[in-house]
Amino acid sequence: MNRRGTAALAMAALTVAGVLVAAGVAAAATAAPIVGQQSGRCVDVPNASTTNGTQVQLYDCSGQANQAFAATSDKQLQVYGTKCLDASNRGTANGTAVIIWDCNGQTNQQWNVNADGTITGVQSGLCLDANGAATANGTKLILWSCNGGANQRWSQSTGTTTPPPSGSGPCDLYAAGGTPCVAAHSTTRALLRSYSGRLYQVRRSSDNATRDIATRSTGGTADGNAQDAFCSGTTCVITVVYDQSGHGNDLWYQGSSVVPGSSSSSPARATTESLTVGGAKAYSLYINPGNSYWRDGHLTGVPTGSAPEGMYMVTSGTHVNSGCCFDYGNSETTRKADAAGAMDAINFGTQCWFGGCSGTGPWVQADLEWGLYPGGSQSWNANQRAFTSKFVTATLKNNGTSRFAMKGSNAQSGSLYTLWDGGLPGGYSPMKKQGAIILGSGGDCCKPGGGANLSAGTFYEGAMVAGYPSDATENAVQANIVAAGYR
C-alpha cells in the first residue's frame, strides 16, 4: 500500500455534531476548535501568539483563529495553517509541555486522535492532558500517561468555524457550535430556519376536539390566529408541545394517556396570555400550580449519566412563585427524587432552598435534584441576581463531571450575565442524569401522592443540546432571541 493510502487509513478521528467518527482526508483538513470534555474549554494559543515555543492552554471557546486546529493527512494538528502542535524539545516524559512550532514533519508533531476521545503523541505515546485535571482558563496542556481521565478526552466539531446561514434559529446556532439540539420546544416560533411544522396542540372544552397550531411560514412564528379561530366561544388547553429537533421528544401534559402513571397534573389553559413575536400574534404556555409536561427522552438523544449537555429557555420574570419547581431540562425517568445529580434542569422562581440568593427573586438556578443551586454550593453566591423583566432568557450547561454554568438576561435586550461558572456542588460529580425532560414541575412528579407540582411560570421557547455549548454559541442564541422581537 502506498504512503497516501496508509495515511488515509490511519487518519485521526474528528467529531461531527459532537460525536467522534472516523474521518477521511477531506474532513480532516477543516480547522475547528478542540474542546476538553472535562472543562468545556478550548485548546487555545495564548494571546493569539505565533511565537515558536508558546505553550497551549485551556480557554473559553471564542471561535477565533488561535483556537482552530486542522488535522492533516500526515497527522499534524495545525493552527494558523503554518504552526503545529508540538511536544516541546521532542520530549517523551510526563509533564512535557505542548507548544506550537513551525511545522516540520517530525514525529513530535504527529498525533493520533482516537475514537475514545484521547489525543496521543505518535512519538511519545502519551496523552494530551489538562495539567492537574484543572478546568480553569489558563490551564496549561502537557503530555501525560494515558489514564482514562476526562481531562485527557477531547472533541472537535468541524462546524464551529462555519458561520450559520442567514435566518438561523437557536438550534441552527447550537448545531454550528457543535452542540446540536436534541429537543426544541416553543409555542411562539420555529427554532430552526427550516422548520415549518406543528408547534403545539390545543384541545377545546366544547367538544374535546384538538387542533395542531403550526408556524405561519418556514422558520416563522406561530399562527396565533388559527388558535383564536378554533377556540372562539369556548376554552382551550395545551395538551402537547411538539419537539422541533427531529428526535420526537414531544412534551405531553402529565395526566394524559401518553404519560402512563401520571395523575396529579392537568394541561395549561391555552389563552391566558397572548403576545407578539416579530409583530405576529402568539400565545405562551402559561403554567399554574397543577400544570406540568414530561417526556421520557433517554432513548431519543437526551444526554444521560455524566454526558455533557446544555439548555436554555425564554420565560417571564412577572409570572412566578415560590412553589416547587418551575423547571425545564433533564429529569428522572422514574419521576422520583432518585439521587443527587439525577436531574440537570433550569429552575426559575422565587424559591431559594439554601439562602444563597440575593434579593427577592426570581432567580435562575440549577435543579440538580436534592437541591436548587444558585451557584456551586449551598452558600452565598455574590454573582446571583434577580431577573424581573417581562421576558427572561435563562441558560444552563453542565459538563457532567466538574463544571456547570448559569446565565440570565432580559430577552428583549442586552447580553447574557454569568451567574455561576465553576465547580459542581459536593456530591454531584459525576452527574447521574436519566434523560427524561421536565417542564413546569420538579422531578418527583406527578404520580399519586407525588409533589413538586406547585410552581407558576411561563414558557415561550427552549431547547436542550448534546455537548457543552461555548460562550460564543450562547451569546449568539441570546442575540437571536432579542432579534425575534418578543413584545
Protein backbone atom coordinates (compact mmCIF):
# COMPACT_ATOMS: atom_id res chain seq x y z
CA MET A 1 0.00 0.00 0.00
CA ASN A 2 1.39 3.46 -0.83
CA ARG A 3 2.04 6.12 1.79
CA ARG A 4 -1.03 8.12 0.79
CA GLY A 5 -3.30 5.12 1.36
CA THR A 6 -1.67 4.33 4.69
CA ALA A 7 -2.16 7.90 5.86
CA ALA A 8 -5.81 7.88 4.87
CA LEU A 9 -6.46 4.71 6.84
CA ALA A 10 -4.55 5.95 9.84
CA MET A 11 -6.28 9.33 9.88
CA ALA A 12 -7.31 10.73 13.21
CA ALA A 13 -10.94 10.79 14.22
CA LEU A 14 -12.85 14.06 14.10
CA THR A 15 -16.18 14.86 15.69
CA VAL A 16 -19.22 15.81 13.72
CA ALA A 17 -22.01 17.32 15.86
CA GLY A 18 -20.03 16.33 18.94
CA VAL A 19 -19.72 12.59 18.21
CA LEU A 20 -16.41 11.00 17.31
CA VAL A 21 -16.48 9.32 13.92
CA ALA A 22 -13.81 8.08 11.53
CA ALA A 23 -12.78 10.90 9.25
CA GLY A 24 -11.34 10.94 5.74
CA VAL A 25 -8.71 13.27 4.39
CA ALA A 26 -11.12 15.94 3.21
CA ALA A 27 -12.91 16.21 6.57
CA ALA A 28 -9.61 16.25 8.44
CA ALA A 29 -8.46 19.39 6.61
CA THR A 30 -11.15 21.54 8.22
CA ALA A 31 -9.90 23.77 11.04
CA ALA A 32 -12.06 23.67 14.18
CA PRO A 33 -11.76 24.08 17.95
CA ILE A 34 -10.64 21.17 20.12
CA VAL A 35 -12.80 21.12 23.25
CA GLY A 36 -11.92 19.49 26.56
CA GLN A 37 -14.56 17.04 27.75
CA GLN A 38 -13.95 17.85 31.41
CA SER A 39 -13.59 21.61 31.15
CA GLY A 40 -15.77 22.53 28.20
CA ARG A 41 -13.00 24.94 27.25
CA CYS A 42 -10.95 25.07 24.05
CA VAL A 43 -7.31 24.35 23.25
CA ASP A 44 -6.00 27.90 22.88
CA VAL A 45 -2.79 29.64 21.83
CA PRO A 46 -2.40 32.39 24.46
CA ASN A 47 -2.92 35.93 23.17
CA ALA A 48 -3.11 34.59 19.60
CA SER A 49 0.68 34.30 19.67
CA THR A 50 2.59 32.97 16.66
CA THR A 51 5.89 32.68 18.54
CA ASN A 52 7.57 29.29 18.45
CA GLY A 53 7.55 27.65 21.89
CA THR A 54 4.29 29.17 23.12
CA GLN A 55 2.62 26.59 25.38
CA VAL A 56 -1.05 25.99 24.61
CA GLN A 57 -3.71 26.24 27.28
CA LEU A 58 -7.42 25.87 28.03
CA TYR A 59 -9.57 28.95 27.49
CA ASP A 60 -13.21 29.86 26.90
CA CYS A 61 -14.14 28.98 23.34
CA SER A 62 -14.27 32.08 21.15
CA GLY A 63 -14.31 30.81 17.56
CA GLN A 64 -11.09 32.73 16.83
CA ALA A 65 -8.20 31.52 14.67
CA ASN A 66 -5.94 30.81 17.67
CA GLN A 67 -8.39 28.03 18.65
CA ALA A 68 -8.89 26.49 15.19
CA PHE A 69 -6.83 23.34 14.56
CA ALA A 70 -6.79 21.32 11.34
CA ALA A 71 -5.85 17.61 11.36
CA THR A 72 -3.79 16.97 8.24
CA SER A 73 -3.25 13.75 6.33
CA ASP A 74 0.18 13.32 7.93
CA LYS A 75 -1.25 13.56 11.46
CA GLN A 76 -0.31 17.13 12.22
CA LEU A 77 -2.64 19.44 14.20
CA GLN A 78 -2.08 22.80 12.52
CA VAL A 79 -3.10 26.24 13.77
CA TYR A 80 -2.87 29.35 11.55
CA GLY A 81 -2.04 26.96 8.71
CA THR A 82 1.70 27.14 9.46
CA LYS A 83 2.20 26.23 13.13
CA CYS A 84 1.87 22.71 14.55
CA LEU A 85 1.03 21.29 17.93
CA ASP A 86 4.42 20.08 19.17
CA ALA A 87 5.90 18.09 22.08
CA SER A 88 8.50 20.57 23.38
CA ASN A 89 12.13 19.57 22.75
CA ARG A 90 10.86 16.26 21.36
CA GLY A 91 10.09 15.26 24.95
CA THR A 92 8.56 11.90 25.79
CA ALA A 93 8.30 12.22 29.59
CA ASN A 94 5.28 13.01 31.72
CA GLY A 95 4.91 16.77 32.05
CA THR A 96 6.38 17.64 28.64
CA ALA A 97 4.91 20.99 27.57
CA VAL A 98 2.69 21.00 24.48
CA ILE A 99 3.59 24.04 22.39
CA ILE A 100 3.26 25.47 18.89
CA TRP A 101 6.20 25.38 16.46
CA ASP A 102 6.80 25.77 12.75
CA CYS A 103 5.51 22.61 11.08
CA ASN A 104 8.48 20.40 10.19
CA GLY A 105 7.05 16.89 9.75
CA GLN A 106 8.88 15.39 12.73
CA THR A 107 7.18 12.73 14.87
CA ASN A 108 6.88 15.02 17.90
CA GLN A 109 4.37 16.98 15.78
CA GLN A 110 2.30 13.94 14.86
CA TRP A 111 -0.80 12.95 16.77
CA ASN A 112 -3.34 10.16 16.84
CA VAL A 113 -6.85 11.45 17.57
CA ASN A 114 -8.50 8.32 18.86
CA ALA A 115 -12.11 7.11 18.87
CA ASP A 116 -12.22 7.24 22.71
CA GLY A 117 -11.58 11.00 22.63
CA THR A 118 -7.90 10.87 23.58
CA ILE A 119 -5.16 12.57 21.54
CA THR A 120 -1.84 10.72 21.77
CA GLY A 121 1.61 11.71 20.55
CA VAL A 122 2.94 9.40 17.85
CA GLN A 123 6.48 9.71 19.21
CA SER A 124 5.71 9.53 22.94
CA GLY A 125 2.51 7.51 23.13
CA LEU A 126 1.40 9.90 25.90
CA CYS A 127 -1.95 11.69 26.07
CA LEU A 128 -2.73 15.37 25.59
CA ASP A 129 -3.59 16.34 29.18
CA ALA A 130 -5.02 19.35 31.03
CA ASN A 131 -2.39 19.77 33.74
CA GLY A 132 -3.55 18.68 37.19
CA ALA A 133 -7.03 17.86 35.86
CA ALA A 134 -7.72 21.59 36.17
CA THR A 135 -10.54 23.26 34.22
CA ALA A 136 -9.85 26.97 34.66
CA ASN A 137 -8.88 29.43 31.95
CA GLY A 138 -5.12 29.36 31.52
CA THR A 139 -4.63 25.70 32.47
CA LYS A 140 -1.51 24.53 30.59
CA LEU A 141 -1.58 21.48 28.35
CA ILE A 142 1.08 18.81 28.74
CA LEU A 143 1.81 15.20 27.85
CA TRP A 144 0.95 12.58 30.47
CA SER A 145 0.50 8.83 30.70
CA CYS A 146 -2.96 7.93 29.46
CA ASN A 147 -5.21 7.17 32.43
CA GLY A 148 -8.78 7.44 31.12
CA GLY A 149 -9.39 10.76 32.87
CA ALA A 150 -11.86 13.28 31.49
CA ASN A 151 -9.02 15.83 31.38
CA GLN A 152 -7.48 13.66 28.64
CA ARG A 153 -10.56 13.48 26.44
CA TRP A 154 -11.30 15.93 23.64
CA SER A 155 -13.82 16.58 20.91
CA GLN A 156 -13.73 18.62 17.74
CA SER A 157 -16.60 19.95 15.66
CA THR A 158 -15.94 20.83 12.05
CA GLY A 159 -18.97 23.10 12.01
CA THR A 160 -17.82 25.55 14.68
CA THR A 161 -15.85 27.87 12.41
CA THR A 162 -18.52 27.99 9.70
CA PRO A 163 -20.92 30.92 10.15
CA PRO A 164 -24.54 29.75 10.30
CA PRO A 165 -26.74 30.77 7.37
CA SER A 166 -28.91 33.86 7.37
CA GLY A 167 -32.20 33.38 9.16
CA SER A 168 -30.83 30.77 11.55
CA GLY A 169 -32.74 29.91 14.68
CA PRO A 170 -31.33 28.93 18.08
CA CYS A 171 -30.93 25.27 17.11
CA ASP A 172 -29.09 26.21 13.93
CA LEU A 173 -26.70 28.25 16.07
CA TYR A 174 -26.18 25.42 18.54
CA ALA A 175 -25.51 22.98 15.69
CA ALA A 176 -22.99 25.38 14.16
CA GLY A 177 -21.23 25.36 17.53
CA GLY A 178 -21.00 21.57 17.58
CA THR A 179 -23.73 21.10 20.19
CA PRO A 180 -26.87 20.04 18.30
CA CYS A 181 -30.37 20.28 19.74
CA VAL A 182 -31.85 17.01 20.97
CA ALA A 183 -35.10 18.71 21.99
CA ALA A 184 -36.61 22.04 20.92
CA HIS A 185 -39.95 23.37 22.17
CA SER A 186 -41.87 26.59 21.63
CA THR A 187 -45.42 27.86 21.43
CA THR A 188 -44.27 31.07 19.74
CA ARG A 189 -41.91 30.35 16.84
CA ALA A 190 -39.75 27.90 14.90
CA LEU A 191 -36.34 27.31 16.48
CA LEU A 192 -34.73 26.17 13.20
CA ARG A 193 -34.71 28.12 9.97
CA SER A 194 -36.01 25.07 8.06
CA TYR A 195 -38.81 24.13 10.46
CA SER A 196 -42.34 24.51 9.14
CA GLY A 197 -44.30 22.01 11.20
CA ARG A 198 -46.58 21.98 14.17
CA LEU A 199 -45.59 23.73 17.39
CA TYR A 200 -48.26 22.62 19.85
CA GLN A 201 -51.75 21.17 20.12
CA VAL A 202 -54.84 22.73 21.67
CA ARG A 203 -57.97 20.96 22.87
CA ARG A 204 -61.26 22.81 23.27
CA SER A 205 -63.72 22.10 26.05
CA SER A 206 -66.89 22.35 23.96
CA ASP A 207 -66.36 19.07 22.11
CA ASN A 208 -62.87 17.86 23.10
CA ALA A 209 -61.70 18.36 19.52
CA THR A 210 -57.99 19.06 19.00
CA ARG A 211 -56.00 21.15 16.55
CA ASP A 212 -52.30 21.46 15.90
CA ILE A 213 -51.02 25.04 15.79
CA ALA A 214 -48.17 25.36 13.31
CA THR A 215 -45.85 28.07 12.04
CA ARG A 216 -47.14 30.72 9.66
CA SER A 217 -44.20 30.03 7.34
CA THR A 218 -40.97 28.05 7.24
CA GLY A 219 -38.79 29.24 10.09
CA GLY A 220 -41.53 31.64 11.15
CA THR A 221 -43.78 32.45 14.09
CA ALA A 222 -46.77 30.58 15.49
CA ASP A 223 -50.16 31.05 13.86
CA GLY A 224 -51.98 32.59 16.81
CA ASN A 225 -54.93 33.49 14.61
CA ALA A 226 -55.55 29.80 13.93
CA GLN A 227 -55.81 29.19 17.67
CA ASP A 228 -58.23 32.13 18.01
CA ALA A 229 -60.50 30.71 15.32
CA PHE A 230 -60.51 27.21 16.79
CA CYS A 231 -61.04 28.30 20.41
CA SER A 232 -63.62 31.02 19.70
CA GLY A 233 -66.58 30.85 22.07
CA THR A 234 -65.05 28.17 24.30
CA THR A 235 -61.92 27.44 26.35
CA CYS A 236 -58.83 25.58 25.18
CA VAL A 237 -55.90 23.87 26.86
CA ILE A 238 -52.45 22.97 25.52
CA THR A 239 -52.07 19.21 25.54
CA VAL A 240 -48.64 18.82 23.94
CA VAL A 241 -45.69 20.97 22.85
CA TYR A 242 -44.03 19.30 19.87
CA ASP A 243 -40.31 18.73 19.52
CA GLN A 244 -38.80 20.56 16.55
CA SER A 245 -35.40 18.83 16.73
CA GLY A 246 -36.46 15.67 14.89
CA HIS A 247 -35.86 13.45 17.93
CA GLY A 248 -39.54 13.04 18.78
CA ASN A 249 -39.22 14.49 22.28
CA ASP A 250 -42.74 15.91 22.42
CA LEU A 251 -43.83 17.22 25.83
CA TRP A 252 -47.29 15.93 26.84
CA TYR A 253 -49.07 17.14 29.94
CA GLN A 254 -48.67 14.85 32.91
CA GLY A 255 -52.07 13.26 33.47
CA SER A 256 -52.55 12.41 29.80
CA SER A 257 -52.69 8.85 28.50
CA VAL A 258 -49.36 9.47 26.76
CA VAL A 259 -47.64 9.78 30.17
CA PRO A 260 -48.52 6.47 31.88
CA GLY A 261 -48.83 6.50 35.63
CA SER A 262 -49.29 10.26 35.98
CA SER A 263 -52.43 11.65 37.52
CA SER A 264 -51.78 14.79 39.55
CA SER A 265 -51.28 17.22 36.68
CA SER A 266 -53.50 18.91 34.13
CA PRO A 267 -52.89 20.83 30.89
CA ALA A 268 -52.33 24.59 30.97
CA ARG A 269 -55.01 26.91 29.64
CA ALA A 270 -54.11 28.00 26.11
CA THR A 271 -55.49 31.53 26.07
CA THR A 272 -54.25 33.04 29.33
CA GLU A 273 -51.51 35.14 27.75
CA SER A 274 -51.17 36.44 24.21
CA LEU A 275 -48.15 38.32 22.95
CA THR A 276 -46.44 39.27 19.72
CA VAL A 277 -43.24 37.82 18.31
CA GLY A 278 -41.83 39.67 15.33
CA GLY A 279 -45.12 41.58 15.20
CA ALA A 280 -47.26 38.40 14.88
CA LYS A 281 -49.74 37.23 17.50
CA ALA A 282 -48.81 34.15 19.52
CA TYR A 283 -49.63 32.51 22.85
CA SER A 284 -47.46 31.37 25.73
CA LEU A 285 -47.55 28.16 27.73
CA TYR A 286 -48.84 29.77 30.93
CA ILE A 287 -48.27 27.28 33.72
CA ASN A 288 -50.00 27.48 37.09
CA PRO A 289 -49.76 25.06 40.03
CA GLY A 290 -51.02 21.67 38.88
CA ASN A 291 -49.81 22.07 35.26
CA SER A 292 -46.72 20.24 34.01
CA TYR A 293 -45.31 18.45 30.96
CA TRP A 294 -42.95 15.48 30.55
CA ARG A 295 -41.18 13.23 28.10
CA ASP A 296 -39.10 10.08 28.60
CA GLY A 297 -36.39 11.08 26.15
CA HIS A 298 -33.47 8.92 27.25
CA LEU A 299 -33.80 6.68 24.18
CA THR A 300 -34.02 9.56 21.73
CA GLY A 301 -30.80 11.50 22.19
CA VAL A 302 -31.13 13.25 25.54
CA PRO A 303 -27.80 13.00 27.43
CA THR A 304 -27.64 10.58 30.35
CA GLY A 305 -25.17 9.84 33.13
CA SER A 306 -22.22 12.22 33.06
CA ALA A 307 -22.52 13.18 29.38
CA PRO A 308 -22.25 16.96 28.90
CA GLU A 309 -25.31 18.97 27.94
CA GLY A 310 -26.70 22.48 27.73
CA MET A 311 -30.11 24.13 27.60
CA TYR A 312 -31.91 27.46 27.52
CA MET A 313 -35.42 28.78 27.91
CA VAL A 314 -37.26 32.04 27.50
CA THR A 315 -39.56 32.59 30.45
CA SER A 316 -41.13 35.52 32.32
CA GLY A 317 -39.98 37.43 35.38
CA THR A 318 -43.52 38.60 36.13
CA HIS A 319 -45.37 35.27 36.47
CA VAL A 320 -43.54 33.36 39.19
CA ASN A 321 -44.00 31.89 42.65
CA SER A 322 -42.07 30.00 45.32
CA GLY A 323 -43.67 26.62 44.66
CA CYS A 324 -41.58 23.62 43.67
CA CYS A 325 -40.49 23.67 40.95
CA PHE A 326 -40.64 25.58 37.68
CA ASP A 327 -38.04 23.54 35.81
CA TYR A 328 -37.09 22.88 32.20
CA GLY A 329 -34.49 20.26 31.45
CA ASN A 330 -33.20 16.78 32.23
CA SER A 331 -35.12 14.77 34.82
CA GLU A 332 -35.76 11.28 36.15
CA THR A 333 -37.45 8.64 34.03
CA THR A 334 -38.86 7.27 37.29
CA ARG A 335 -40.49 10.58 38.27
CA LYS A 336 -38.96 10.15 41.72
CA ALA A 337 -36.30 12.15 43.57
CA ASP A 338 -33.69 9.47 42.98
CA ALA A 339 -30.32 10.96 43.91
CA ALA A 340 -28.04 13.97 43.79
CA GLY A 341 -27.23 14.55 40.14
CA ALA A 342 -30.26 12.68 38.77
CA MET A 343 -31.56 16.00 37.40
CA ASP A 344 -29.96 18.78 35.39
CA ALA A 345 -32.62 21.41 34.76
CA ILE A 346 -33.00 25.18 34.67
CA ASN A 347 -35.10 26.42 37.58
CA PHE A 348 -36.73 29.84 37.62
CA GLY A 349 -38.78 31.17 40.52
CA THR A 350 -38.63 32.79 43.95
CA GLN A 351 -37.79 29.63 45.88
CA CYS A 352 -34.32 29.69 47.45
CA TRP A 353 -33.57 26.49 49.32
CA PHE A 354 -30.25 27.34 50.89
CA GLY A 355 -30.31 31.09 51.37
CA GLY A 356 -27.66 31.65 48.72
CA CYS A 357 -29.76 34.05 46.61
CA SER A 358 -29.82 37.84 46.54
CA GLY A 359 -32.99 39.89 46.98
CA THR A 360 -36.48 38.51 46.44
CA GLY A 361 -36.02 36.90 43.02
CA PRO A 362 -36.94 35.41 40.69
CA TRP A 363 -33.60 33.71 40.12
CA VAL A 364 -32.05 31.43 37.55
CA GLN A 365 -30.86 28.35 39.42
CA ALA A 366 -29.90 24.75 38.67
CA ASP A 367 -32.17 21.95 39.85
CA LEU A 368 -29.68 19.10 40.20
CA GLU A 369 -32.03 17.02 42.39
CA TRP A 370 -31.89 17.22 46.16
CA GLY A 371 -31.21 20.89 45.76
CA LEU A 372 -31.80 24.12 43.83
CA TYR A 373 -28.35 25.63 43.48
CA PRO A 374 -27.68 29.37 43.00
CA GLY A 375 -24.02 28.50 42.48
CA GLY A 376 -21.56 25.74 43.26
CA SER A 377 -22.64 25.23 46.86
CA GLN A 378 -25.38 25.98 49.35
CA SER A 379 -23.67 29.21 50.39
CA TRP A 380 -23.92 32.77 49.17
CA ASN A 381 -23.16 33.47 45.52
CA ALA A 382 -22.24 37.12 45.05
CA ASN A 383 -22.97 36.95 41.32
CA GLN A 384 -26.59 35.87 41.73
CA ARG A 385 -29.20 38.46 40.80
CA ALA A 386 -32.93 38.64 40.16
CA PHE A 387 -34.49 38.89 36.69
CA THR A 388 -37.81 40.71 36.83
CA SER A 389 -38.33 41.73 33.20
CA LYS A 390 -41.37 40.60 31.25
CA PHE A 391 -39.23 38.25 29.13
CA VAL A 392 -36.16 36.49 30.54
CA THR A 393 -33.50 34.29 28.94
CA ALA A 394 -32.07 31.57 31.21
CA THR A 395 -29.25 29.16 30.30
CA LEU A 396 -27.60 26.19 31.99
CA LYS A 397 -24.76 23.93 30.89
CA ASN A 398 -23.04 21.08 32.72
CA ASN A 399 -20.01 19.05 31.64
CA GLY A 400 -21.17 16.19 33.85
CA THR A 401 -18.06 15.82 35.96
CA SER A 402 -16.62 19.09 37.21
CA ARG A 403 -18.18 22.26 35.86
CA PHE A 404 -21.52 23.94 35.30
CA ALA A 405 -22.55 27.45 34.34
CA MET A 406 -25.74 29.52 34.56
CA LYS A 407 -26.57 32.77 32.81
CA GLY A 408 -29.54 35.09 32.52
CA SER A 409 -30.67 38.20 30.70
CA ASN A 410 -33.57 40.32 29.60
CA ALA A 411 -34.83 38.53 26.48
CA GLN A 412 -35.67 41.83 24.79
CA SER A 413 -32.24 43.46 25.04
CA GLY A 414 -28.71 43.10 26.31
CA SER A 415 -26.22 40.29 26.69
CA LEU A 416 -26.11 37.28 28.98
CA TYR A 417 -24.97 37.79 32.55
CA THR A 418 -22.89 34.99 34.09
CA LEU A 419 -24.35 33.92 37.43
CA TRP A 420 -22.02 30.97 38.01
CA ASP A 421 -19.24 29.29 36.05
CA GLY A 422 -17.33 26.85 38.18
CA GLY A 423 -17.33 23.58 40.07
CA LEU A 424 -20.29 21.33 40.76
CA PRO A 425 -21.60 21.13 44.32
CA GLY A 426 -20.10 18.45 46.54
CA GLY A 427 -21.65 15.05 45.89
CA TYR A 428 -22.74 15.88 42.32
CA SER A 429 -19.75 14.52 40.41
CA PRO A 430 -20.24 12.56 38.32
CA MET A 431 -23.76 13.50 37.32
CA LYS A 432 -26.33 10.69 37.11
CA LYS A 433 -28.81 12.07 34.59
CA GLN A 434 -31.61 9.77 33.45
CA GLY A 435 -32.67 11.61 30.30
CA ALA A 436 -36.33 12.44 30.76
CA ILE A 437 -37.49 16.01 30.02
CA ILE A 438 -39.49 18.03 32.52
CA LEU A 439 -41.34 21.33 32.10
CA GLY A 440 -43.25 23.10 34.84
CA SER A 441 -42.55 20.82 37.79
CA GLY A 442 -39.79 19.13 39.73
CA GLY A 443 -38.54 15.63 39.08
CA ASP A 444 -40.72 13.83 41.62
CA CYS A 445 -43.96 14.50 39.80
CA CYS A 446 -46.70 13.57 39.03
CA LYS A 447 -47.75 10.21 40.42
CA PRO A 448 -50.49 9.79 43.03
CA GLY A 449 -49.19 11.36 46.20
CA GLY A 450 -46.27 12.98 44.37
CA GLY A 451 -45.28 16.59 44.99
CA ALA A 452 -43.14 19.11 43.10
CA ASN A 453 -46.09 20.39 41.05
CA LEU A 454 -46.77 23.67 42.84
CA SER A 455 -44.99 26.13 40.58
CA ALA A 456 -46.13 29.02 38.43
CA GLY A 457 -44.18 30.14 35.39
CA THR A 458 -44.37 30.99 31.71
CA PHE A 459 -42.65 29.12 28.90
CA TYR A 460 -42.18 30.67 25.46
CA GLU A 461 -39.35 28.61 24.00
CA GLY A 462 -36.42 26.41 24.95
CA ALA A 463 -34.04 23.72 23.77
CA MET A 464 -31.69 21.06 25.11
CA VAL A 465 -28.40 20.20 23.39
CA ALA A 466 -25.85 17.40 23.48
CA GLY A 467 -22.41 18.66 24.47
CA TYR A 468 -21.15 21.68 26.38
CA PRO A 469 -22.02 24.86 24.44
CA SER A 470 -19.40 27.55 24.09
CA ASP A 471 -19.97 31.03 25.45
CA ALA A 472 -19.86 32.31 21.87
CA THR A 473 -22.72 29.99 20.91
CA GLU A 474 -24.82 31.05 23.89
CA ASN A 475 -24.18 34.70 23.08
CA ALA A 476 -25.37 34.08 19.51
CA VAL A 477 -28.54 32.42 20.80
CA GLN A 478 -29.25 35.38 23.09
CA ALA A 479 -28.79 37.79 20.16
CA ASN A 480 -31.22 35.68 18.13
CA ILE A 481 -33.81 35.80 20.92
CA VAL A 482 -33.53 39.57 21.16
CA ALA A 483 -33.90 39.86 17.39
CA ALA A 484 -37.04 37.68 17.47
CA GLY A 485 -38.88 40.65 18.95
CA TYR A 486 -40.84 39.46 21.97
CA ARG A 487 -43.44 42.04 22.92
